[in-house]
Amino acid sequence: LVAQVEKAARAAGCAAPRVAPTRKTLPHYRDLALFAVRAGGGHPHRVNLAGGVLIKENHVAAAGGMARAVEGARRTAPHGLKIEAEVRNRQELDEALAAGADGVLLDNFAPKQAIEAARAAKKKNSRVLVEISGGVSEETAGSYVDAAVDVISSGSLTHSPKALDISMLLELGK
């Protein structure tokens, strides 16, 4: 996945977005999975639930809207902890940006729509972190590369790694 993103960035003439896993890992496997991500050139983030605030659709519904969810998180989170809002469409993106989210996660956007949304987000706030996630695979990752995209994340990095077929053959002395 990292290689595909780097290749697409070279072709586009822009810096490669960081490639990150989602938090989805097997129990008791997280440290090893994140070590493997680093070894493969990826950049783990939100290593656990304390690593940042990620506002998801259930939080938005419970709070009564995106603005209230971001404001509530800001009020209770320790200072310096980043608040990222998962958005499913341009309306939610605009609401998250207006509410002052530090980052936005564009969830399940098609590549063209993701790039358009990332550019719109950076136009409104050049410092906002733009992450693309949901449906990103080794085959599609390169199509999400753009100068406005900071992070491309995929759960497949930790929950669906390809096994490496390794064996060891011992030859006893003759």
N, C-alpha and C. Protein backbone atom coordinates (compact mmCIF):
# COMPACT_ATOMS: atom_id res chain seq x y z
N LEU A 1 0.83 -1.20 0.00
CA LEU A 1 0.00 0.00 0.00
C LEU A 1 0.86 1.25 0.00
N VAL A 2 1.91 1.24 0.84
CA VAL A 2 2.80 2.40 0.90
C VAL A 2 3.46 2.63 -0.46
N ALA A 3 3.91 1.58 -1.10
CA ALA A 3 4.57 1.71 -2.40
C ALA A 3 3.63 2.30 -3.45
N GLN A 4 2.36 1.89 -3.44
CA GLN A 4 1.39 2.41 -4.41
C GLN A 4 1.14 3.90 -4.17
N VAL A 5 1.06 4.30 -2.91
CA VAL A 5 0.84 5.71 -2.58
C VAL A 5 2.05 6.54 -2.99
N GLU A 6 3.24 6.06 -2.70
CA GLU A 6 4.46 6.79 -3.07
C GLU A 6 4.59 6.91 -4.58
N LYS A 7 4.28 5.85 -5.31
CA LYS A 7 4.34 5.88 -6.78
C LYS A 7 3.34 6.90 -7.34
N ALA A 8 2.13 6.90 -6.81
CA ALA A 8 1.11 7.84 -7.28
C ALA A 8 1.51 9.28 -6.95
N ALA A 9 2.15 9.49 -5.80
CA ALA A 9 2.58 10.84 -5.43
C ALA A 9 3.68 11.34 -6.38
N ARG A 10 4.61 10.47 -6.73
CA ARG A 10 5.65 10.86 -7.69
C ARG A 10 5.01 11.25 -9.02
N ALA A 11 4.05 10.45 -9.47
CA ALA A 11 3.37 10.74 -10.74
C ALA A 11 2.59 12.05 -10.67
N ALA A 12 2.02 12.35 -9.50
CA ALA A 12 1.24 13.58 -9.33
C ALA A 12 2.11 14.79 -9.02
N GLY A 13 3.38 14.54 -8.69
CA GLY A 13 4.28 15.64 -8.37
C GLY A 13 3.98 16.29 -7.03
N CYS A 14 3.52 15.46 -6.08
CA CYS A 14 3.23 16.00 -4.75
C CYS A 14 3.84 15.08 -3.69
N ALA A 15 3.87 15.57 -2.47
CA ALA A 15 4.36 14.75 -1.36
C ALA A 15 3.39 13.61 -1.13
N ALA A 16 3.92 12.47 -0.76
CA ALA A 16 3.07 11.31 -0.49
C ALA A 16 2.37 11.49 0.85
N PRO A 17 1.07 11.26 0.90
CA PRO A 17 0.39 11.26 2.20
C PRO A 17 0.93 10.13 3.06
N ARG A 18 0.84 10.29 4.36
CA ARG A 18 1.21 9.19 5.24
C ARG A 18 0.21 8.06 5.06
N VAL A 19 0.69 6.85 5.18
CA VAL A 19 -0.19 5.69 5.13
C VAL A 19 -0.29 5.16 6.55
N ALA A 20 -1.50 4.99 7.03
CA ALA A 20 -1.72 4.59 8.42
C ALA A 20 -2.74 3.46 8.50
N PRO A 21 -2.62 2.65 9.53
CA PRO A 21 -3.67 1.65 9.75
C PRO A 21 -4.82 2.29 10.53
N THR A 22 -5.94 1.62 10.53
CA THR A 22 -7.01 2.03 11.45
C THR A 22 -6.70 1.37 12.79
N ARG A 23 -7.58 1.53 13.77
CA ARG A 23 -7.35 0.91 15.08
C ARG A 23 -7.72 -0.56 15.09
N LYS A 24 -8.24 -1.06 14.01
CA LYS A 24 -8.74 -2.44 13.98
C LYS A 24 -7.59 -3.44 14.03
N THR A 25 -7.40 -4.06 15.17
CA THR A 25 -6.38 -5.10 15.32
C THR A 25 -6.96 -6.24 16.13
N LEU A 26 -6.30 -7.37 16.06
CA LEU A 26 -6.71 -8.51 16.87
C LEU A 26 -6.30 -8.26 18.32
N PRO A 27 -7.07 -8.77 19.28
CA PRO A 27 -6.68 -8.61 20.68
C PRO A 27 -5.28 -9.16 20.93
N HIS A 28 -4.51 -8.44 21.71
CA HIS A 28 -3.14 -8.82 22.09
C HIS A 28 -2.17 -8.83 20.91
N TYR A 29 -2.55 -8.26 19.80
CA TYR A 29 -1.76 -8.30 18.58
C TYR A 29 -1.32 -6.89 18.16
N ARG A 30 -1.84 -5.87 18.83
CA ARG A 30 -1.65 -4.48 18.40
C ARG A 30 -0.18 -4.09 18.28
N ASP A 31 0.64 -4.38 19.30
CA ASP A 31 2.04 -3.96 19.25
C ASP A 31 2.77 -4.57 18.05
N LEU A 32 2.55 -5.84 17.81
CA LEU A 32 3.18 -6.51 16.69
C LEU A 32 2.67 -5.96 15.36
N ALA A 33 1.38 -5.74 15.27
CA ALA A 33 0.79 -5.21 14.04
C ALA A 33 1.34 -3.81 13.75
N LEU A 34 1.45 -2.97 14.77
CA LEU A 34 1.96 -1.62 14.54
C LEU A 34 3.46 -1.62 14.23
N PHE A 35 4.19 -2.56 14.79
CA PHE A 35 5.60 -2.72 14.44
C PHE A 35 5.70 -3.07 12.95
N ALA A 36 4.85 -3.96 12.49
CA ALA A 36 4.86 -4.36 11.08
C ALA A 36 4.50 -3.18 10.18
N VAL A 37 3.56 -2.36 10.60
CA VAL A 37 3.18 -1.18 9.81
C VAL A 37 4.38 -0.25 9.68
N ARG A 38 5.07 0.00 10.80
CA ARG A 38 6.26 0.86 10.76
C ARG A 38 7.34 0.25 9.85
N ALA A 39 7.56 -1.05 9.98
CA ALA A 39 8.58 -1.72 9.17
C ALA A 39 8.27 -1.61 7.68
N GLY A 40 6.99 -1.55 7.35
CA GLY A 40 6.57 -1.43 5.95
C GLY A 40 6.48 0.00 5.45
N GLY A 41 6.89 0.97 6.28
CA GLY A 41 6.87 2.36 5.85
C GLY A 41 5.64 3.14 6.24
N GLY A 42 4.73 2.51 6.99
CA GLY A 42 3.52 3.19 7.43
C GLY A 42 3.75 3.99 8.70
N HIS A 43 2.74 4.75 9.08
CA HIS A 43 2.80 5.64 10.25
C HIS A 43 1.57 5.43 11.12
N PRO A 44 1.68 4.61 12.15
CA PRO A 44 0.52 4.41 13.03
C PRO A 44 0.06 5.71 13.67
N HIS A 45 -1.22 5.82 13.86
CA HIS A 45 -1.80 6.94 14.60
C HIS A 45 -3.02 6.41 15.33
N ARG A 46 -3.51 7.16 16.27
CA ARG A 46 -4.60 6.68 17.11
C ARG A 46 -4.33 5.23 17.51
N VAL A 47 -3.18 5.02 18.12
CA VAL A 47 -2.75 3.67 18.50
C VAL A 47 -3.75 3.02 19.44
N ASN A 48 -4.43 3.83 20.23
CA ASN A 48 -5.49 3.32 21.09
C ASN A 48 -6.53 4.42 21.25
N LEU A 49 -7.56 4.18 22.00
CA LEU A 49 -8.64 5.16 22.12
C LEU A 49 -8.21 6.44 22.82
N ALA A 50 -7.11 6.43 23.55
CA ALA A 50 -6.63 7.63 24.24
C ALA A 50 -5.75 8.49 23.34
N GLY A 51 -5.45 8.04 22.13
CA GLY A 51 -4.53 8.75 21.26
C GLY A 51 -5.11 9.95 20.55
N GLY A 52 -6.35 10.19 20.70
CA GLY A 52 -7.00 11.32 20.05
C GLY A 52 -8.49 11.09 20.09
N VAL A 53 -9.23 12.15 19.81
CA VAL A 53 -10.68 12.04 19.79
C VAL A 53 -11.10 11.85 18.34
N LEU A 54 -11.84 10.79 18.08
CA LEU A 54 -12.41 10.56 16.76
C LEU A 54 -13.92 10.56 16.93
N ILE A 55 -14.54 11.59 16.41
CA ILE A 55 -16.00 11.72 16.49
C ILE A 55 -16.60 10.95 15.34
N LYS A 56 -17.41 9.96 15.69
CA LYS A 56 -18.05 9.12 14.68
C LYS A 56 -19.54 9.46 14.61
N GLU A 57 -20.24 8.84 13.66
CA GLU A 57 -21.65 9.19 13.43
C GLU A 57 -22.52 8.98 14.67
N ASN A 58 -22.23 7.97 15.48
CA ASN A 58 -23.01 7.76 16.70
C ASN A 58 -22.84 8.90 17.69
N HIS A 59 -21.62 9.44 17.75
CA HIS A 59 -21.37 10.58 18.64
C HIS A 59 -22.14 11.81 18.16
N VAL A 60 -22.15 12.01 16.85
CA VAL A 60 -22.87 13.15 16.28
C VAL A 60 -24.36 13.03 16.59
N ALA A 61 -24.90 11.83 16.40
CA ALA A 61 -26.33 11.61 16.67
C ALA A 61 -26.64 11.82 18.15
N ALA A 62 -25.79 11.29 19.03
CA ALA A 62 -26.04 11.42 20.47
C ALA A 62 -25.92 12.87 20.95
N ALA A 63 -25.02 13.63 20.33
CA ALA A 63 -24.81 15.02 20.75
C ALA A 63 -25.84 15.96 20.16
N GLY A 64 -26.53 15.52 19.12
CA GLY A 64 -27.51 16.40 18.48
C GLY A 64 -26.93 17.22 17.35
N GLY A 65 -25.87 16.73 16.74
CA GLY A 65 -25.28 17.42 15.59
C GLY A 65 -23.77 17.48 15.68
N MET A 66 -23.16 17.74 14.54
CA MET A 66 -21.71 17.79 14.46
C MET A 66 -21.12 18.89 15.33
N ALA A 67 -21.70 20.08 15.26
CA ALA A 67 -21.16 21.20 16.04
C ALA A 67 -21.18 20.89 17.53
N ARG A 68 -22.27 20.35 18.00
CA ARG A 68 -22.36 20.02 19.43
C ARG A 68 -21.40 18.90 19.81
N ALA A 69 -21.18 17.95 18.91
CA ALA A 69 -20.24 16.86 19.19
C ALA A 69 -18.81 17.39 19.29
N VAL A 70 -18.42 18.25 18.36
CA VAL A 70 -17.07 18.82 18.39
C VAL A 70 -16.90 19.72 19.62
N GLU A 71 -17.89 20.55 19.89
CA GLU A 71 -17.81 21.44 21.06
C GLU A 71 -17.74 20.64 22.36
N GLY A 72 -18.52 19.57 22.46
CA GLY A 72 -18.50 18.73 23.66
C GLY A 72 -17.15 18.05 23.85
N ALA A 73 -16.59 17.56 22.75
CA ALA A 73 -15.27 16.93 22.82
C ALA A 73 -14.22 17.96 23.23
N ARG A 74 -14.29 19.14 22.67
CA ARG A 74 -13.32 20.20 22.98
C ARG A 74 -13.40 20.58 24.46
N ARG A 75 -14.62 20.62 24.98
CA ARG A 75 -14.83 21.00 26.38
C ARG A 75 -14.24 19.98 27.35
N THR A 76 -14.30 18.71 27.00
CA THR A 76 -13.89 17.66 27.95
C THR A 76 -12.52 17.04 27.68
N ALA A 77 -12.01 17.20 26.48
CA ALA A 77 -10.72 16.59 26.14
C ALA A 77 -9.58 17.37 26.79
N PRO A 78 -8.50 16.69 27.14
CA PRO A 78 -7.32 17.41 27.64
C PRO A 78 -6.82 18.39 26.58
N HIS A 79 -6.27 19.51 27.04
CA HIS A 79 -5.76 20.48 26.06
C HIS A 79 -4.67 19.81 25.23
N GLY A 80 -4.60 20.16 23.99
CA GLY A 80 -3.60 19.58 23.11
C GLY A 80 -4.02 18.29 22.43
N LEU A 81 -5.08 17.65 22.89
CA LEU A 81 -5.54 16.43 22.25
C LEU A 81 -6.33 16.81 20.99
N LYS A 82 -5.95 16.24 19.88
CA LYS A 82 -6.58 16.57 18.60
C LYS A 82 -7.98 15.97 18.49
N ILE A 83 -8.84 16.71 17.87
CA ILE A 83 -10.22 16.27 17.67
C ILE A 83 -10.45 16.13 16.17
N GLU A 84 -10.73 14.90 15.76
CA GLU A 84 -10.97 14.59 14.35
C GLU A 84 -12.41 14.12 14.21
N ALA A 85 -13.07 14.58 13.17
CA ALA A 85 -14.46 14.20 12.93
C ALA A 85 -14.56 13.35 11.67
N GLU A 86 -15.19 12.20 11.81
CA GLU A 86 -15.47 11.35 10.66
C GLU A 86 -16.66 11.95 9.93
N VAL A 87 -16.51 12.18 8.62
CA VAL A 87 -17.60 12.77 7.84
C VAL A 87 -17.94 11.86 6.67
N ARG A 88 -19.22 11.81 6.33
CA ARG A 88 -19.68 10.93 5.26
C ARG A 88 -20.09 11.68 4.00
N ASN A 89 -20.13 13.02 4.07
CA ASN A 89 -20.54 13.81 2.91
C ASN A 89 -20.05 15.25 3.08
N ARG A 90 -20.27 16.07 2.06
CA ARG A 90 -19.77 17.45 2.09
C ARG A 90 -20.46 18.29 3.16
N GLN A 91 -21.74 18.03 3.43
CA GLN A 91 -22.43 18.79 4.47
C GLN A 91 -21.78 18.55 5.83
N GLU A 92 -21.52 17.29 6.17
CA GLU A 92 -20.86 16.98 7.43
C GLU A 92 -19.44 17.57 7.46
N LEU A 93 -18.76 17.55 6.33
CA LEU A 93 -17.43 18.16 6.25
C LEU A 93 -17.51 19.64 6.60
N ASP A 94 -18.43 20.35 5.98
CA ASP A 94 -18.58 21.78 6.26
C ASP A 94 -18.92 22.03 7.73
N GLU A 95 -19.78 21.20 8.29
CA GLU A 95 -20.16 21.35 9.70
C GLU A 95 -18.97 21.11 10.63
N ALA A 96 -18.17 20.08 10.34
CA ALA A 96 -17.00 19.77 11.16
C ALA A 96 -15.98 20.90 11.10
N LEU A 97 -15.75 21.44 9.91
CA LEU A 97 -14.80 22.55 9.76
C LEU A 97 -15.30 23.79 10.47
N ALA A 98 -16.59 24.10 10.33
CA ALA A 98 -17.16 25.27 11.00
C ALA A 98 -17.09 25.14 12.52
N ALA A 99 -17.18 23.90 13.01
CA ALA A 99 -17.13 23.67 14.46
C ALA A 99 -15.71 23.68 15.01
N GLY A 100 -14.71 23.71 14.11
CA GLY A 100 -13.33 23.80 14.57
C GLY A 100 -12.62 22.47 14.78
N ALA A 101 -13.06 21.42 14.11
CA ALA A 101 -12.36 20.14 14.22
C ALA A 101 -10.92 20.31 13.73
N ASP A 102 -9.99 19.66 14.42
CA ASP A 102 -8.57 19.72 14.02
C ASP A 102 -8.29 18.87 12.79
N GLY A 103 -9.14 17.86 12.59
CA GLY A 103 -8.97 16.98 11.46
C GLY A 103 -10.30 16.45 11.00
N VAL A 104 -10.33 16.01 9.76
CA VAL A 104 -11.54 15.38 9.22
C VAL A 104 -11.14 14.07 8.57
N LEU A 105 -11.94 13.06 8.79
CA LEU A 105 -11.74 11.75 8.18
C LEU A 105 -12.84 11.58 7.15
N LEU A 106 -12.46 11.58 5.89
CA LEU A 106 -13.42 11.40 4.81
C LEU A 106 -13.69 9.92 4.68
N ASP A 107 -14.86 9.48 5.10
CA ASP A 107 -15.17 8.06 5.21
C ASP A 107 -15.96 7.56 4.01
N ASN A 108 -15.40 6.58 3.33
CA ASN A 108 -16.06 5.91 2.20
C ASN A 108 -16.40 6.86 1.05
N PHE A 109 -15.55 7.84 0.80
CA PHE A 109 -15.71 8.70 -0.36
C PHE A 109 -15.07 8.02 -1.56
N ALA A 110 -15.66 8.17 -2.72
CA ALA A 110 -15.02 7.72 -3.96
C ALA A 110 -13.79 8.61 -4.18
N PRO A 111 -12.78 8.12 -4.89
CA PRO A 111 -11.55 8.91 -5.04
C PRO A 111 -11.75 10.35 -5.52
N LYS A 112 -12.52 10.54 -6.57
CA LYS A 112 -12.72 11.90 -7.10
C LYS A 112 -13.39 12.80 -6.07
N GLN A 113 -14.42 12.29 -5.39
CA GLN A 113 -15.12 13.08 -4.38
C GLN A 113 -14.23 13.34 -3.17
N ALA A 114 -13.39 12.38 -2.84
CA ALA A 114 -12.47 12.56 -1.70
C ALA A 114 -11.48 13.68 -1.99
N ILE A 115 -10.93 13.69 -3.18
CA ILE A 115 -9.96 14.73 -3.52
C ILE A 115 -10.64 16.10 -3.58
N GLU A 116 -11.83 16.17 -4.14
CA GLU A 116 -12.57 17.44 -4.16
C GLU A 116 -12.85 17.92 -2.74
N ALA A 117 -13.27 17.01 -1.87
CA ALA A 117 -13.57 17.37 -0.49
C ALA A 117 -12.30 17.78 0.26
N ALA A 118 -11.19 17.08 0.02
CA ALA A 118 -9.92 17.43 0.67
C ALA A 118 -9.48 18.83 0.26
N ARG A 119 -9.58 19.13 -0.99
CA ARG A 119 -9.20 20.47 -1.47
C ARG A 119 -10.11 21.55 -0.87
N ALA A 120 -11.40 21.26 -0.80
CA ALA A 120 -12.34 22.22 -0.20
C ALA A 120 -12.01 22.44 1.27
N ALA A 121 -11.67 21.36 1.98
CA ALA A 121 -11.33 21.48 3.40
C ALA A 121 -10.09 22.35 3.59
N LYS A 122 -9.05 22.11 2.79
CA LYS A 122 -7.81 22.89 2.89
C LYS A 122 -8.03 24.35 2.51
N LYS A 123 -8.96 24.59 1.60
CA LYS A 123 -9.28 25.97 1.20
C LYS A 123 -9.90 26.73 2.37
N LYS A 124 -10.74 26.02 3.14
CA LYS A 124 -11.39 26.65 4.31
C LYS A 124 -10.44 26.76 5.49
N ASN A 125 -9.57 25.77 5.65
CA ASN A 125 -8.63 25.76 6.78
C ASN A 125 -7.38 25.00 6.34
N SER A 126 -6.35 25.73 5.98
CA SER A 126 -5.14 25.09 5.45
C SER A 126 -4.43 24.20 6.46
N ARG A 127 -4.75 24.35 7.75
CA ARG A 127 -4.07 23.57 8.79
C ARG A 127 -4.83 22.30 9.20
N VAL A 128 -6.03 22.12 8.68
CA VAL A 128 -6.82 20.94 9.06
C VAL A 128 -6.15 19.69 8.50
N LEU A 129 -6.13 18.64 9.30
CA LEU A 129 -5.61 17.35 8.85
C LEU A 129 -6.71 16.65 8.06
N VAL A 130 -6.38 16.21 6.87
CA VAL A 130 -7.35 15.50 6.03
C VAL A 130 -6.91 14.05 5.89
N GLU A 131 -7.77 13.17 6.37
CA GLU A 131 -7.52 11.73 6.31
C GLU A 131 -8.60 11.09 5.44
N ILE A 132 -8.19 10.14 4.63
CA ILE A 132 -9.13 9.38 3.81
C ILE A 132 -9.11 7.95 4.30
N SER A 133 -10.29 7.39 4.52
CA SER A 133 -10.41 6.03 5.02
C SER A 133 -11.71 5.42 4.51
N GLY A 134 -11.79 4.12 4.61
CA GLY A 134 -13.02 3.43 4.22
C GLY A 134 -12.95 2.98 2.78
N GLY A 135 -12.77 1.70 2.59
CA GLY A 135 -12.72 1.16 1.24
C GLY A 135 -11.39 1.33 0.53
N VAL A 136 -10.37 1.80 1.25
CA VAL A 136 -9.05 1.97 0.65
C VAL A 136 -8.36 0.61 0.62
N SER A 137 -7.89 0.23 -0.54
CA SER A 137 -7.20 -1.06 -0.70
C SER A 137 -5.88 -0.82 -1.42
N GLU A 138 -5.12 -1.87 -1.54
CA GLU A 138 -3.85 -1.77 -2.27
C GLU A 138 -4.09 -1.32 -3.71
N GLU A 139 -5.20 -1.76 -4.28
CA GLU A 139 -5.52 -1.42 -5.67
C GLU A 139 -5.99 0.02 -5.82
N THR A 140 -6.67 0.57 -4.82
CA THR A 140 -7.27 1.90 -4.97
C THR A 140 -6.50 3.02 -4.28
N ALA A 141 -5.56 2.70 -3.42
CA ALA A 141 -4.89 3.71 -2.59
C ALA A 141 -4.28 4.84 -3.42
N GLY A 142 -3.65 4.52 -4.51
CA GLY A 142 -3.01 5.54 -5.33
C GLY A 142 -3.97 6.56 -5.89
N SER A 143 -5.21 6.17 -6.11
CA SER A 143 -6.19 7.10 -6.69
C SER A 143 -6.67 8.15 -5.70
N TYR A 144 -6.28 8.03 -4.42
CA TYR A 144 -6.64 9.02 -3.40
C TYR A 144 -5.53 10.03 -3.15
N VAL A 145 -4.41 9.89 -3.83
CA VAL A 145 -3.27 10.77 -3.59
C VAL A 145 -3.52 12.15 -4.18
N ASP A 146 -3.27 13.17 -3.36
CA ASP A 146 -3.40 14.56 -3.78
C ASP A 146 -2.66 15.41 -2.76
N ALA A 147 -2.22 16.58 -3.16
CA ALA A 147 -1.50 17.48 -2.24
C ALA A 147 -2.35 17.86 -1.03
N ALA A 148 -3.67 17.81 -1.15
CA ALA A 148 -4.55 18.19 -0.05
C ALA A 148 -4.80 17.06 0.95
N VAL A 149 -4.31 15.86 0.64
CA VAL A 149 -4.55 14.70 1.49
C VAL A 149 -3.32 14.46 2.37
N ASP A 150 -3.53 14.39 3.68
CA ASP A 150 -2.43 14.20 4.63
C ASP A 150 -2.20 12.74 4.99
N VAL A 151 -3.29 11.98 5.12
CA VAL A 151 -3.21 10.60 5.58
C VAL A 151 -4.18 9.75 4.78
N ILE A 152 -3.72 8.58 4.38
CA ILE A 152 -4.61 7.57 3.80
C ILE A 152 -4.54 6.38 4.75
N SER A 153 -5.69 5.99 5.29
CA SER A 153 -5.67 4.88 6.26
C SER A 153 -6.49 3.71 5.74
N SER A 154 -6.03 2.54 6.13
CA SER A 154 -6.69 1.31 5.70
C SER A 154 -6.59 0.26 6.80
N GLY A 155 -7.71 -0.31 7.14
CA GLY A 155 -7.73 -1.38 8.13
C GLY A 155 -7.02 -2.62 7.64
N SER A 156 -6.89 -2.77 6.32
CA SER A 156 -6.26 -3.97 5.78
C SER A 156 -4.81 -4.10 6.20
N LEU A 157 -4.18 -3.00 6.60
CA LEU A 157 -2.79 -3.07 7.04
C LEU A 157 -2.63 -3.91 8.30
N THR A 158 -3.65 -3.93 9.14
CA THR A 158 -3.54 -4.68 10.39
C THR A 158 -4.49 -5.87 10.49
N HIS A 159 -5.64 -5.82 9.82
CA HIS A 159 -6.55 -6.95 9.98
C HIS A 159 -6.55 -7.92 8.81
N SER A 160 -5.83 -7.61 7.72
CA SER A 160 -5.81 -8.51 6.58
C SER A 160 -4.43 -8.61 5.93
N PRO A 161 -3.38 -8.72 6.73
CA PRO A 161 -2.05 -8.79 6.10
C PRO A 161 -1.88 -10.09 5.34
N LYS A 162 -1.08 -10.01 4.29
CA LYS A 162 -0.76 -11.21 3.53
C LYS A 162 0.33 -11.97 4.28
N ALA A 163 0.18 -13.26 4.35
CA ALA A 163 1.18 -14.09 5.04
C ALA A 163 2.41 -14.25 4.14
N LEU A 164 3.54 -14.26 4.77
CA LEU A 164 4.79 -14.50 4.06
C LEU A 164 5.15 -15.96 4.27
N ASP A 165 5.35 -16.68 3.18
CA ASP A 165 5.65 -18.10 3.25
C ASP A 165 7.15 -18.28 3.49
N ILE A 166 7.49 -18.58 4.71
CA ILE A 166 8.90 -18.75 5.09
C ILE A 166 9.06 -20.16 5.66
N SER A 167 10.14 -20.79 5.27
CA SER A 167 10.44 -22.08 5.87
C SER A 167 11.93 -22.13 6.16
N MET A 168 12.31 -23.06 7.01
CA MET A 168 13.71 -23.22 7.34
C MET A 168 14.05 -24.69 7.15
N LEU A 169 15.06 -24.92 6.36
CA LEU A 169 15.48 -26.29 6.08
C LEU A 169 16.82 -26.50 6.75
N LEU A 170 16.90 -27.48 7.57
CA LEU A 170 18.15 -27.83 8.25
C LEU A 170 18.78 -29.01 7.53
N GLU A 171 20.05 -28.90 7.27
CA GLU A 171 20.77 -30.02 6.68
C GLU A 171 21.75 -30.51 7.73
N LEU A 172 21.62 -31.75 8.06
CA LEU A 172 22.51 -32.34 9.05
C LEU A 172 23.81 -32.74 8.37
N GLY A 173 24.90 -32.67 9.14
CA GLY A 173 26.21 -33.01 8.59
C GLY A 173 26.23 -34.41 8.02
N LYS A 174 27.02 -34.60 7.01
CA LYS A 174 27.09 -35.90 6.33
C LYS A 174 28.12 -36.81 6.94
